[in-house]
Amino acid sequence: MRGVTLSGLTIRNSPSWTVHPVLCKELTAADLTIENDPDSPNTDGLNPEGSSDIRLVGLLISVGDDCVALKAGKRSPLGGPDRPTERVRIENCLMERGHGAVVIGSEMSAGITDIAIRNCHFKGTDRGLRIKTRRGRGGTVANIRLADSLMEDVATPVAVNSFYFCDADGRSDYVQSRSPLPVSVETPSIRSITVENVTVFGARTAAAVFYGLPEAAIRDIAFENYTVSFSQDAEAEVPEMASLLLPLRHAGIVAENAVFSRLARLSPVSIHPDED
């Protein structure tokens, strides 16, 4: 489908994913309100899949799972719409509650590229910008930019995880092994992530976490003008859905198998003066 506009709608209380555009080109979603109960499982707000040239503008999303989740297939033997998702612009949106504000994956086998998020407000989500994948999915996530945005009470503001334990074998040695495995078409690739001019209040676990595969490090990560302050009453918790992770509290940028190209003007360790 081509040249679709969704505007001026309020959509509430979906039993599962709420708005799911599939195989669309030149889709605009503007001035939408999407609301689901915060305790309702799997009630993503808006999930473009296998689609390109997408504009999401002026959305209010408050749900029980991911607010916006970009998908591109999962290399399933049962088949599915394995097509790239690319050229997505997300602007002037308020995203509340939910597991993640803007999420990429875990279905990303055909590739998700050229994603720009700007002038957005994330409030009370478990994670802000989240990229999740695992061995077996393959595909590439690249050219992701978050800029000029605010996060409040977001546990983990930036989370990139190559060990996401989805599917029946998600906790298997193949998915969760920290030893390098041979690179194949099933090996996911993540590169070119930029975060700039972003302020976070009330984080809990860490300023950012990156868990790359030993055989496929996350590459070309850049932070500039990134400021994070932490919640005083935060308790240690695991920052991402993967095995073998330690709980974190008030950590800085945590990176395993990740390569940074730029770290400029960061203040990711601001906590209340009566904290240790």
C-alpha atoms as a PDB file:
ATOM      1  CA  MET A   1       0.000   0.000   0.000  1.00  0.00           C
ATOM      2  CA  ARG A   2       1.319   3.443  -0.902  1.00  0.00           C
ATOM      3  CA  GLY A   3       0.527   6.998   0.149  1.00  0.00           C
ATOM      4  CA  VAL A   4      -1.422   6.309   3.363  1.00  0.00           C
ATOM      5  CA  THR A   5      -2.254   9.009   5.937  1.00  0.00           C
ATOM      6  CA  LEU A   6      -3.631   8.300   9.419  1.00  0.00           C
ATOM      7  CA  SER A   7      -4.609  11.445  11.326  1.00  0.00           C
ATOM      8  CA  GLY A   8      -6.867  12.670  14.114  1.00  0.00           C
ATOM      9  CA  LEU A   9      -7.726   9.240  15.526  1.00  0.00           C
ATOM     10  CA  THR A  10      -7.897   7.995  19.118  1.00  0.00           C
ATOM     11  CA  ILE A  11      -7.421   4.234  19.492  1.00  0.00           C
ATOM     12  CA  ARG A  12      -7.798   2.518  22.871  1.00  0.00           C
ATOM     13  CA  ASN A  13      -7.732  -0.862  24.608  1.00  0.00           C
ATOM     14  CA  SER A  14      -6.301  -3.086  21.906  1.00  0.00           C
ATOM     15  CA  PRO A  15      -5.901  -6.783  22.842  1.00  0.00           C
ATOM     16  CA  SER A  16      -2.484  -6.877  21.131  1.00  0.00           C
ATOM     17  CA  TRP A  17      -0.464  -4.677  18.734  1.00  0.00           C
ATOM     18  CA  THR A  18      -2.628  -1.631  18.096  1.00  0.00           C
ATOM     19  CA  VAL A  19      -1.665  -0.099  14.721  1.00  0.00           C
ATOM     20  CA  HIS A  20       0.384  -2.426  12.493  1.00  0.00           C
ATOM     21  CA  PRO A  21       1.195  -1.052   9.008  1.00  0.00           C
ATOM     22  CA  VAL A  22       2.734  -3.837   6.887  1.00  0.00           C
ATOM     23  CA  LEU A  23       4.400  -3.452   3.475  1.00  0.00           C
ATOM     24  CA  CYS A  24       3.572   0.246   3.258  1.00  0.00           C
ATOM     25  CA  LYS A  25       5.397   2.993   1.400  1.00  0.00           C
ATOM     26  CA  GLU A  26       4.991   6.714   2.098  1.00  0.00           C
ATOM     27  CA  LEU A  27       2.938   6.337   5.266  1.00  0.00           C
ATOM     28  CA  THR A  28       2.219   9.355   7.477  1.00  0.00           C
ATOM     29  CA  ALA A  29       0.725   8.981  10.967  1.00  0.00           C
ATOM     30  CA  ALA A  30       0.024  12.361  12.575  1.00  0.00           C
ATOM     31  CA  ASP A  31      -1.966  13.583  15.562  1.00  0.00           C
ATOM     32  CA  LEU A  32      -2.864  10.099  16.839  1.00  0.00           C
ATOM     33  CA  THR A  33      -3.642   9.103  20.410  1.00  0.00           C
ATOM     34  CA  ILE A  34      -3.018   5.441  21.235  1.00  0.00           C
ATOM     35  CA  GLU A  35      -3.827   4.304  24.775  1.00  0.00           C
ATOM     36  CA  ASN A  36      -3.767   0.839  26.317  1.00  0.00           C
ATOM     37  CA  ASP A  37      -3.754  -0.275  29.939  1.00  0.00           C
ATOM     38  CA  PRO A  38      -0.206  -0.162  31.380  1.00  0.00           C
ATOM     39  CA  ASP A  39      -0.530  -3.757  32.608  1.00  0.00           C
ATOM     40  CA  SER A  40      -1.805  -5.174  29.298  1.00  0.00           C
ATOM     41  CA  PRO A  41       0.814  -7.474  27.722  1.00  0.00           C
ATOM     42  CA  ASN A  42       1.992  -7.168  24.120  1.00  0.00           C
ATOM     43  CA  THR A  43      -0.095  -4.053  23.437  1.00  0.00           C
ATOM     44  CA  ASP A  44       2.444  -2.192  21.295  1.00  0.00           C
ATOM     45  CA  GLY A  45       1.266   1.189  20.057  1.00  0.00           C
ATOM     46  CA  LEU A  46       2.435   1.525  16.444  1.00  0.00           C
ATOM     47  CA  ASN A  47       4.493  -1.116  14.622  1.00  0.00           C
ATOM     48  CA  PRO A  48       5.539  -0.329  11.030  1.00  0.00           C
ATOM     49  CA  GLU A  49       6.824  -3.556   9.467  1.00  0.00           C
ATOM     50  CA  GLY A  50       8.537  -4.079   6.137  1.00  0.00           C
ATOM     51  CA  SER A  51       7.759  -0.468   5.272  1.00  0.00           C
ATOM     52  CA  SER A  52       9.619   2.591   4.008  1.00  0.00           C
ATOM     53  CA  ASP A  53       9.371   6.375   3.894  1.00  0.00           C
ATOM     54  CA  ILE A  54       7.431   6.627   7.146  1.00  0.00           C
ATOM     55  CA  ARG A  55       6.621   9.816   9.082  1.00  0.00           C
ATOM     56  CA  LEU A  56       5.290   9.610  12.648  1.00  0.00           C
ATOM     57  CA  VAL A  57       4.487  13.112  13.858  1.00  0.00           C
ATOM     58  CA  GLY A  58       2.727  14.469  16.929  1.00  0.00           C
ATOM     59  CA  LEU A  59       1.722  11.132  18.426  1.00  0.00           C
ATOM     60  CA  LEU A  60       0.639  10.512  22.024  1.00  0.00           C
ATOM     61  CA  ILE A  61       1.229   6.856  22.870  1.00  0.00           C
ATOM     62  CA  SER A  62       0.706   5.327  26.326  1.00  0.00           C
ATOM     63  CA  VAL A  63       0.598   1.528  26.301  1.00  0.00           C
ATOM     64  CA  GLY A  64       1.517  -1.694  28.098  1.00  0.00           C
ATOM     65  CA  ASP A  65       4.376  -2.698  25.786  1.00  0.00           C
ATOM     66  CA  ASP A  66       6.526  -0.848  23.210  1.00  0.00           C
ATOM     67  CA  CYS A  67       5.205   2.544  22.130  1.00  0.00           C
ATOM     68  CA  VAL A  68       6.708   2.499  18.617  1.00  0.00           C
ATOM     69  CA  ALA A  69       8.384  -0.706  17.424  1.00  0.00           C
ATOM     70  CA  LEU A  70       9.958  -0.980  13.977  1.00  0.00           C
ATOM     71  CA  LYS A  71       9.960  -4.483  12.489  1.00  0.00           C
ATOM     72  CA  ALA A  72      11.470  -6.189   9.430  1.00  0.00           C
ATOM     73  CA  GLY A  73      10.715  -9.923   9.706  1.00  0.00           C
ATOM     74  CA  LYS A  74      12.305 -12.715  11.721  1.00  0.00           C
ATOM     75  CA  ARG A  75      13.683 -15.239   9.237  1.00  0.00           C
ATOM     76  CA  SER A  76      10.933 -17.639  10.223  1.00  0.00           C
ATOM     77  CA  PRO A  77      10.610 -21.062   8.547  1.00  0.00           C
ATOM     78  CA  LEU A  78       6.862 -20.375   8.553  1.00  0.00           C
ATOM     79  CA  GLY A  79       7.378 -17.375   6.302  1.00  0.00           C
ATOM     80  CA  GLY A  80       6.393 -13.772   6.869  1.00  0.00           C
ATOM     81  CA  PRO A  81       6.846 -10.241   5.502  1.00  0.00           C
ATOM     82  CA  ASP A  82      10.642 -10.159   5.546  1.00  0.00           C
ATOM     83  CA  ARG A  83      11.151  -6.769   3.905  1.00  0.00           C
ATOM     84  CA  PRO A  84      13.381  -3.879   4.993  1.00  0.00           C
ATOM     85  CA  THR A  85      12.080  -1.011   7.068  1.00  0.00           C
ATOM     86  CA  GLU A  86      13.898   2.181   6.147  1.00  0.00           C
ATOM     87  CA  ARG A  87      13.717   5.953   6.051  1.00  0.00           C
ATOM     88  CA  VAL A  88      11.569   6.514   9.132  1.00  0.00           C
ATOM     89  CA  ARG A  89      11.161   9.942  10.761  1.00  0.00           C
ATOM     90  CA  ILE A  90       9.683  10.190  14.262  1.00  0.00           C
ATOM     91  CA  GLU A  91       9.125  13.763  15.478  1.00  0.00           C
ATOM     92  CA  ASN A  92       7.346  15.710  18.218  1.00  0.00           C
ATOM     93  CA  CYS A  93       5.916  12.643  19.936  1.00  0.00           C
ATOM     94  CA  LEU A  94       5.084  11.955  23.588  1.00  0.00           C
ATOM     95  CA  MET A  95       5.561   8.320  24.573  1.00  0.00           C
ATOM     96  CA  GLU A  96       4.586   7.155  28.045  1.00  0.00           C
ATOM     97  CA  ARG A  97       4.846   3.982  30.127  1.00  0.00           C
ATOM     98  CA  GLY A  98       5.468   0.828  28.108  1.00  0.00           C
ATOM     99  CA  HIS A  99       8.578  -1.315  27.802  1.00  0.00           C
ATOM    100  CA  GLY A 100      10.277   0.996  25.337  1.00  0.00           C
ATOM    101  CA  ALA A 101       9.604   4.348  23.683  1.00  0.00           C
ATOM    102  CA  VAL A 102      11.188   3.780  20.248  1.00  0.00           C
ATOM    103  CA  VAL A 103      12.175   0.159  19.735  1.00  0.00           C
ATOM    104  CA  ILE A 104      13.950  -1.492  16.815  1.00  0.00           C
ATOM    105  CA  GLY A 105      13.453  -5.249  16.530  1.00  0.00           C
ATOM    106  CA  SER A 106      13.542  -7.859  17.612  1.00  0.00           C
ATOM    107  CA  GLU A 107      12.171  -8.770  14.190  1.00  0.00           C
ATOM    108  CA  MET A 108      14.854  -7.171  11.993  1.00  0.00           C
ATOM    109  CA  SER A 109      16.023  -9.903   9.628  1.00  0.00           C
ATOM    110  CA  ALA A 110      15.536  -7.892   6.423  1.00  0.00           C
ATOM    111  CA  GLY A 111      17.225  -4.821   7.910  1.00  0.00           C
ATOM    112  CA  ILE A 112      16.162  -1.575   9.577  1.00  0.00           C
ATOM    113  CA  THR A 113      18.066   1.509   8.451  1.00  0.00           C
ATOM    114  CA  ASP A 114      17.952   5.300   8.322  1.00  0.00           C
ATOM    115  CA  ILE A 115      15.840   6.051  11.382  1.00  0.00           C
ATOM    116  CA  ALA A 116      15.710   9.600  12.794  1.00  0.00           C
ATOM    117  CA  ILE A 117      14.022  10.484  16.101  1.00  0.00           C
ATOM    118  CA  ARG A 118      13.927  14.129  17.173  1.00  0.00           C
ATOM    119  CA  ASN A 119      12.077  16.515  19.457  1.00  0.00           C
ATOM    120  CA  CYS A 120      10.436  13.674  21.373  1.00  0.00           C
ATOM    121  CA  HIS A 121       9.536  13.229  25.046  1.00  0.00           C
ATOM    122  CA  PHE A 122       9.781   9.778  26.622  1.00  0.00           C
ATOM    123  CA  LYS A 123       8.147   9.501  30.039  1.00  0.00           C
ATOM    124  CA  GLY A 124       8.009   6.526  32.404  1.00  0.00           C
ATOM    125  CA  THR A 125       9.067   3.887  29.878  1.00  0.00           C
ATOM    126  CA  ASP A 126      11.376   1.036  30.875  1.00  0.00           C
ATOM    127  CA  ARG A 127      13.759   2.026  28.078  1.00  0.00           C
ATOM    128  CA  GLY A 128      13.996   5.005  25.760  1.00  0.00           C
ATOM    129  CA  LEU A 129      15.767   4.088  22.527  1.00  0.00           C
ATOM    130  CA  ARG A 130      15.983   0.300  22.419  1.00  0.00           C
ATOM    131  CA  ILE A 131      17.523  -2.023  19.820  1.00  0.00           C
ATOM    132  CA  LYS A 132      17.016  -5.743  20.398  1.00  0.00           C
ATOM    133  CA  THR A 133      18.073  -8.769  18.376  1.00  0.00           C
ATOM    134  CA  ARG A 134      19.738 -12.171  18.707  1.00  0.00           C
ATOM    135  CA  ARG A 135      21.676 -14.814  16.838  1.00  0.00           C
ATOM    136  CA  GLY A 136      19.428 -16.462  14.274  1.00  0.00           C
ATOM    137  CA  ARG A 137      17.807 -13.227  13.126  1.00  0.00           C
ATOM    138  CA  GLY A 138      20.583 -11.914  10.864  1.00  0.00           C
ATOM    139  CA  GLY A 139      19.950  -8.577   9.185  1.00  0.00           C
ATOM    140  CA  THR A 140      21.400  -5.131   9.784  1.00  0.00           C
ATOM    141  CA  VAL A 141      20.381  -2.210  11.977  1.00  0.00           C
ATOM    142  CA  ALA A 142      22.208   0.938  10.874  1.00  0.00           C
ATOM    143  CA  ASN A 143      22.065   4.733  10.763  1.00  0.00           C
ATOM    144  CA  ILE A 144      19.952   5.339  13.854  1.00  0.00           C
ATOM    145  CA  ARG A 145      19.833   8.891  15.238  1.00  0.00           C
ATOM    146  CA  LEU A 146      18.150  10.214  18.385  1.00  0.00           C
ATOM    147  CA  ALA A 147      18.428  13.980  18.812  1.00  0.00           C
ATOM    148  CA  ASP A 148      17.039  16.989  20.672  1.00  0.00           C
ATOM    149  CA  SER A 149      14.878  14.938  23.013  1.00  0.00           C
ATOM    150  CA  LEU A 150      13.955  14.586  26.691  1.00  0.00           C
ATOM    151  CA  MET A 151      13.489  11.484  28.830  1.00  0.00           C
ATOM    152  CA  GLU A 152      11.899  11.397  32.296  1.00  0.00           C
ATOM    153  CA  ASP A 153      11.818   8.418  34.664  1.00  0.00           C
ATOM    154  CA  VAL A 154      13.159   6.040  32.031  1.00  0.00           C
ATOM    155  CA  ALA A 155      14.974   3.143  33.699  1.00  0.00           C
ATOM    156  CA  THR A 156      17.522   2.565  30.901  1.00  0.00           C
ATOM    157  CA  PRO A 157      17.584   5.492  28.448  1.00  0.00           C
ATOM    158  CA  VAL A 158      19.550   3.763  25.665  1.00  0.00           C
ATOM    159  CA  ALA A 159      19.695  -0.037  25.426  1.00  0.00           C
ATOM    160  CA  VAL A 160      21.204  -2.095  22.602  1.00  0.00           C
ATOM    161  CA  ASN A 161      21.050  -5.847  23.125  1.00  0.00           C
ATOM    162  CA  SER A 162      22.271  -8.626  20.820  1.00  0.00           C
ATOM    163  CA  PHE A 163      21.254 -11.381  23.269  1.00  0.00           C
ATOM    164  CA  TYR A 164      17.510 -10.724  23.462  1.00  0.00           C
ATOM    165  CA  PHE A 165      15.941 -13.962  24.693  1.00  0.00           C
ATOM    166  CA  CYS A 166      12.893 -14.152  22.428  1.00  0.00           C
ATOM    167  CA  ASP A 167      11.413 -17.360  20.962  1.00  0.00           C
ATOM    168  CA  ALA A 168      11.488 -20.882  22.394  1.00  0.00           C
ATOM    169  CA  ASP A 169      15.276 -21.169  22.046  1.00  0.00           C
ATOM    170  CA  GLY A 170      15.993 -17.681  23.374  1.00  0.00           C
ATOM    171  CA  ARG A 171      17.878 -18.920  26.427  1.00  0.00           C
ATOM    172  CA  SER A 172      19.818 -21.580  24.530  1.00  0.00           C
ATOM    173  CA  ASP A 173      23.615 -21.691  24.422  1.00  0.00           C
ATOM    174  CA  TYR A 174      23.492 -20.682  20.751  1.00  0.00           C
ATOM    175  CA  VAL A 175      21.691 -17.420  21.522  1.00  0.00           C
ATOM    176  CA  GLN A 176      23.239 -16.578  24.889  1.00  0.00           C
ATOM    177  CA  SER A 177      26.849 -17.799  24.545  1.00  0.00           C
ATOM    178  CA  ARG A 178      29.454 -15.112  25.248  1.00  0.00           C
ATOM    179  CA  SER A 179      32.040 -17.056  23.230  1.00  0.00           C
ATOM    180  CA  PRO A 180      32.492 -16.027  19.594  1.00  0.00           C
ATOM    181  CA  LEU A 181      30.621 -18.157  17.069  1.00  0.00           C
ATOM    182  CA  PRO A 182      31.144 -18.289  13.293  1.00  0.00           C
ATOM    183  CA  VAL A 183      29.642 -15.364  11.414  1.00  0.00           C
ATOM    184  CA  SER A 184      26.855 -16.365   9.046  1.00  0.00           C
ATOM    185  CA  VAL A 185      23.634 -15.016   7.523  1.00  0.00           C
ATOM    186  CA  GLU A 186      22.097 -15.599  10.972  1.00  0.00           C
ATOM    187  CA  THR A 187      24.477 -13.113  12.628  1.00  0.00           C
ATOM    188  CA  PRO A 188      22.863  -9.712  13.253  1.00  0.00           C
ATOM    189  CA  SER A 189      24.843  -6.534  12.560  1.00  0.00           C
ATOM    190  CA  ILE A 190      24.349  -3.234  14.418  1.00  0.00           C
ATOM    191  CA  ARG A 191      26.225  -0.057  13.534  1.00  0.00           C
ATOM    192  CA  SER A 192      26.030   3.729  13.301  1.00  0.00           C
ATOM    193  CA  ILE A 193      24.039   4.867  16.330  1.00  0.00           C
ATOM    194  CA  THR A 194      24.084   8.575  17.200  1.00  0.00           C
ATOM    195  CA  VAL A 195      22.643  10.181  20.343  1.00  0.00           C
ATOM    196  CA  GLU A 196      22.988  13.952  20.582  1.00  0.00           C
ATOM    197  CA  ASN A 197      21.434  16.794  22.530  1.00  0.00           C
ATOM    198  CA  VAL A 198      19.477  14.440  24.792  1.00  0.00           C
ATOM    199  CA  THR A 199      18.676  15.069  28.473  1.00  0.00           C
ATOM    200  CA  VAL A 200      17.544  12.362  30.881  1.00  0.00           C
ATOM    201  CA  PHE A 201      16.027  12.841  34.337  1.00  0.00           C
ATOM    202  CA  GLY A 202      15.385   9.994  36.759  1.00  0.00           C
ATOM    203  CA  ALA A 203      17.221   7.099  35.126  1.00  0.00           C
ATOM    204  CA  ARG A 204      17.698   4.030  37.315  1.00  0.00           C
ATOM    205  CA  THR A 205      20.076   1.424  35.908  1.00  0.00           C
ATOM    206  CA  ALA A 206      22.634   3.125  33.659  1.00  0.00           C
ATOM    207  CA  ALA A 207      23.116   6.010  31.271  1.00  0.00           C
ATOM    208  CA  ALA A 208      23.245   3.496  28.408  1.00  0.00           C
ATOM    209  CA  VAL A 209      23.972  -0.200  27.865  1.00  0.00           C
ATOM    210  CA  PHE A 210      25.442  -1.929  24.818  1.00  0.00           C
ATOM    211  CA  TYR A 211      25.710  -5.723  24.694  1.00  0.00           C
ATOM    212  CA  GLY A 212      27.255  -6.763  21.381  1.00  0.00           C
ATOM    213  CA  LEU A 213      28.102 -10.226  20.130  1.00  0.00           C
ATOM    214  CA  PRO A 214      31.770 -11.189  20.457  1.00  0.00           C
ATOM    215  CA  GLU A 215      31.766 -12.121  16.753  1.00  0.00           C
ATOM    216  CA  ALA A 216      29.846  -8.993  15.712  1.00  0.00           C
ATOM    217  CA  ALA A 217      30.544  -5.948  17.855  1.00  0.00           C
ATOM    218  CA  ILE A 218      28.219  -2.944  17.824  1.00  0.00           C
ATOM    219  CA  ARG A 219      30.148  -0.319  15.852  1.00  0.00           C
ATOM    220  CA  ASP A 220      30.274   3.423  15.223  1.00  0.00           C
ATOM    221  CA  ILE A 221      28.460   4.612  18.352  1.00  0.00           C
ATOM    222  CA  ALA A 222      28.467   8.369  18.957  1.00  0.00           C
ATOM    223  CA  PHE A 223      27.262  10.430  21.923  1.00  0.00           C
ATOM    224  CA  GLU A 224      27.365  14.206  22.067  1.00  0.00           C
ATOM    225  CA  ASN A 225      25.717  16.560  24.553  1.00  0.00           C
ATOM    226  CA  TYR A 226      24.199  13.710  26.552  1.00  0.00           C
ATOM    227  CA  THR A 227      23.205  14.447  30.144  1.00  0.00           C
ATOM    228  CA  VAL A 228      21.776  11.880  32.567  1.00  0.00           C
ATOM    229  CA  SER A 229      20.659  12.295  36.166  1.00  0.00           C
ATOM    230  CA  PHE A 230      19.539   9.368  38.278  1.00  0.00           C
ATOM    231  CA  SER A 231      16.597   8.646  40.533  1.00  0.00           C
ATOM    232  CA  GLN A 232      17.645   8.826  44.173  1.00  0.00           C
ATOM    233  CA  ASP A 233      15.510   5.861  45.245  1.00  0.00           C
ATOM    234  CA  ALA A 234      16.477   3.583  42.345  1.00  0.00           C
ATOM    235  CA  GLU A 235      17.169  -0.052  43.154  1.00  0.00           C
ATOM    236  CA  ALA A 236      19.516  -2.276  41.186  1.00  0.00           C
ATOM    237  CA  GLU A 237      17.785  -4.094  38.328  1.00  0.00           C
ATOM    238  CA  VAL A 238      18.778  -5.957  35.184  1.00  0.00           C
ATOM    239  CA  PRO A 239      18.801  -3.366  32.366  1.00  0.00           C
ATOM    240  CA  GLU A 240      17.924  -5.649  29.449  1.00  0.00           C
ATOM    241  CA  MET A 241      16.285  -8.983  28.608  1.00  0.00           C
ATOM    242  CA  ALA A 242      19.287 -11.289  28.275  1.00  0.00           C
ATOM    243  CA  SER A 243      20.927 -14.015  30.312  1.00  0.00           C
ATOM    244  CA  LEU A 244      24.056 -13.481  32.419  1.00  0.00           C
ATOM    245  CA  LEU A 245      23.514  -9.749  33.005  1.00  0.00           C
ATOM    246  CA  LEU A 246      24.199  -8.196  36.386  1.00  0.00           C
ATOM    247  CA  PRO A 247      21.727  -5.786  37.994  1.00  0.00           C
ATOM    248  CA  LEU A 248      22.815  -2.152  37.693  1.00  0.00           C
ATOM    249  CA  ARG A 249      22.121   1.027  39.611  1.00  0.00           C
ATOM    250  CA  HIS A 250      23.437   4.491  38.700  1.00  0.00           C
ATOM    251  CA  ALA A 251      25.966   3.126  36.205  1.00  0.00           C
ATOM    252  CA  GLY A 252      27.451   5.177  33.402  1.00  0.00           C
ATOM    253  CA  ILE A 253      27.741   3.878  29.841  1.00  0.00           C
ATOM    254  CA  VAL A 254      28.131   0.101  30.034  1.00  0.00           C
ATOM    255  CA  ALA A 255      29.545  -1.503  26.890  1.00  0.00           C
ATOM    256  CA  GLU A 256      30.534  -5.037  25.943  1.00  0.00           C
ATOM    257  CA  ASN A 257      31.760  -5.733  22.411  1.00  0.00           C
ATOM    258  CA  ALA A 258      30.989  -2.171  21.352  1.00  0.00           C
ATOM    259  CA  VAL A 259      33.124   0.363  19.466  1.00  0.00           C
ATOM    260  CA  PHE A 260      32.589   4.113  19.948  1.00  0.00           C
ATOM    261  CA  SER A 261      33.467   6.707  17.352  1.00  0.00           C
ATOM    262  CA  ARG A 262      32.686   9.792  19.468  1.00  0.00           C
ATOM    263  CA  LEU A 263      32.058  10.600  23.115  1.00  0.00           C
ATOM    264  CA  ALA A 264      31.753  14.360  23.554  1.00  0.00           C
ATOM    265  CA  ARG A 265      30.318  16.544  26.312  1.00  0.00           C
ATOM    266  CA  LEU A 266      28.849  13.789  28.443  1.00  0.00           C
ATOM    267  CA  SER A 267      27.608  14.043  32.017  1.00  0.00           C
ATOM    268  CA  PRO A 268      26.139  10.613  32.655  1.00  0.00           C
ATOM    269  CA  VAL A 269      26.865  10.281  36.369  1.00  0.00           C
ATOM    270  CA  SER A 270      24.973  13.106  38.014  1.00  0.00           C
ATOM    271  CA  ILE A 271      23.272  11.847  41.204  1.00  0.00           C
ATOM    272  CA  HIS A 272      21.873  13.450  44.318  1.00  0.00           C
ATOM    273  CA  PRO A 273      24.577  14.820  46.648  1.00  0.00           C
ATOM    274  CA  ASP A 274      23.601  12.539  49.521  1.00  0.00           C
ATOM    275  CA  GLU A 275      24.227   9.433  47.404  1.00  0.00           C
ATOM    276  CA  ASP A 276      27.477   7.484  47.561  1.00  0.00           C
END
